[in-house]
Amino acid sequence: MARRIRSSGAVKRCRIVVGSRDKMSHPTQALRLAEMLGGDDDDDDDGVTSEAGRCVLKVMEGCGHAVPMEAMRLWRGDVLGFLDE
């Protein structure tokens, strides 16, 4: 499905947020999804991004599967920052 989304061009950019301790959607799975949507290794090791900024992966340290509830302020700031870009 990720390849179909990427090839359709429907998504110009996206943000994938995952907790470093997430056992339901492990960070390696989120990385794979980000790569399939057009991400490459980010220079600052803060996540994954493509040259065109299509897909960014953010791993929230110390969080599990419920990032918005476990790190509410950090998650909110991250999302608002992404939307302001």
Protein backbone atom coordinates (compact mmCIF):
# COMPACT_ATOMS: atom_id res chain seq x y z
CA MET A 1 0.00 0.00 0.00
CA ALA A 2 2.85 2.42 0.80
CA ARG A 3 4.25 2.00 -2.71
CA ARG A 4 0.84 2.71 -4.21
CA ILE A 5 0.49 5.86 -2.09
CA ARG A 6 3.99 6.99 -3.10
CA SER A 7 3.44 6.39 -6.80
CA SER A 8 0.07 8.19 -6.77
CA GLY A 9 1.69 11.44 -5.67
CA ALA A 10 -1.30 12.06 -3.39
CA VAL A 11 0.89 12.67 -0.34
CA LYS A 12 3.33 15.54 -0.75
CA ARG A 13 4.84 15.13 2.70
CA CYS A 14 4.15 13.14 5.85
CA ARG A 15 5.36 12.65 9.38
CA ILE A 16 5.54 9.28 11.09
CA VAL A 17 5.89 9.41 14.88
CA VAL A 18 6.78 6.27 16.83
CA GLY A 19 7.92 5.60 20.38
CA SER A 20 11.34 4.05 20.91
CA ARG A 21 9.73 1.44 23.18
CA ASP A 22 6.72 0.72 20.95
CA LYS A 23 6.18 -3.03 20.78
CA MET A 24 3.08 -2.95 18.56
CA SER A 25 4.58 -0.77 15.82
CA HIS A 26 8.30 -1.17 16.37
CA PRO A 27 10.53 1.72 15.23
CA THR A 28 12.14 -0.55 12.63
CA GLN A 29 8.70 -1.05 11.05
CA ALA A 30 8.11 2.71 11.07
CA LEU A 31 11.51 3.21 9.44
CA ARG A 32 10.59 0.73 6.73
CA LEU A 33 7.31 2.56 6.11
CA ALA A 34 9.11 5.92 5.93
CA GLU A 35 11.59 4.52 3.45
CA MET A 36 8.79 3.07 1.32
CA LEU A 37 7.08 6.48 1.29
CA GLY A 38 10.24 8.15 0.05
CA GLY A 39 12.52 8.70 3.02
CA ASP A 40 16.29 8.38 3.22
CA ASP A 41 18.72 8.68 6.12
CA ASP A 42 18.63 12.13 7.69
CA ASP A 43 21.92 13.97 8.16
CA ASP A 44 21.37 14.80 11.83
CA ASP A 45 20.34 11.27 12.88
CA ASP A 46 17.07 12.69 14.23
CA GLY A 47 14.93 10.56 11.96
CA VAL A 48 14.42 9.85 8.31
CA THR A 49 13.64 12.33 5.58
CA SER A 50 13.76 12.42 1.82
CA GLU A 51 15.62 15.06 -0.15
CA ALA A 52 12.29 16.57 -1.10
CA GLY A 53 11.05 16.31 2.50
CA ARG A 54 8.34 13.83 1.51
CA CYS A 55 8.44 11.64 4.61
CA VAL A 56 9.94 12.30 8.02
CA LEU A 57 10.25 9.72 10.79
CA LYS A 58 10.46 10.93 14.37
CA VAL A 59 11.31 8.46 17.14
CA MET A 60 10.21 9.71 20.56
CA GLU A 61 12.69 8.39 23.10
CA GLY A 62 11.27 6.52 26.09
CA CYS A 63 7.73 6.31 24.69
CA GLY A 64 5.73 3.23 23.89
CA HIS A 65 2.77 2.86 21.55
CA ALA A 66 0.70 5.80 22.87
CA VAL A 67 3.07 8.68 22.13
CA PRO A 68 0.40 11.45 22.24
CA MET A 69 -0.59 10.36 25.76
CA GLU A 70 2.90 9.49 27.06
CA ALA A 71 4.66 12.65 25.87
CA MET A 72 1.76 14.99 25.19
CA ARG A 73 3.65 18.29 25.09
CA LEU A 74 6.62 16.95 23.15
CA TRP A 75 4.32 15.28 20.61
CA ARG A 76 2.14 18.38 20.26
CA GLY A 77 5.18 20.60 19.71
CA ASP A 78 6.54 18.20 17.13
CA VAL A 79 3.26 18.05 15.20
CA LEU A 80 2.76 21.83 15.29
CA GLY A 81 6.35 22.34 14.12
CA PHE A 82 5.76 19.98 11.22
CA LEU A 83 2.55 21.75 10.24
CA ASP A 84 4.29 25.14 10.34
CA GLU A 85 6.99 24.01 7.88
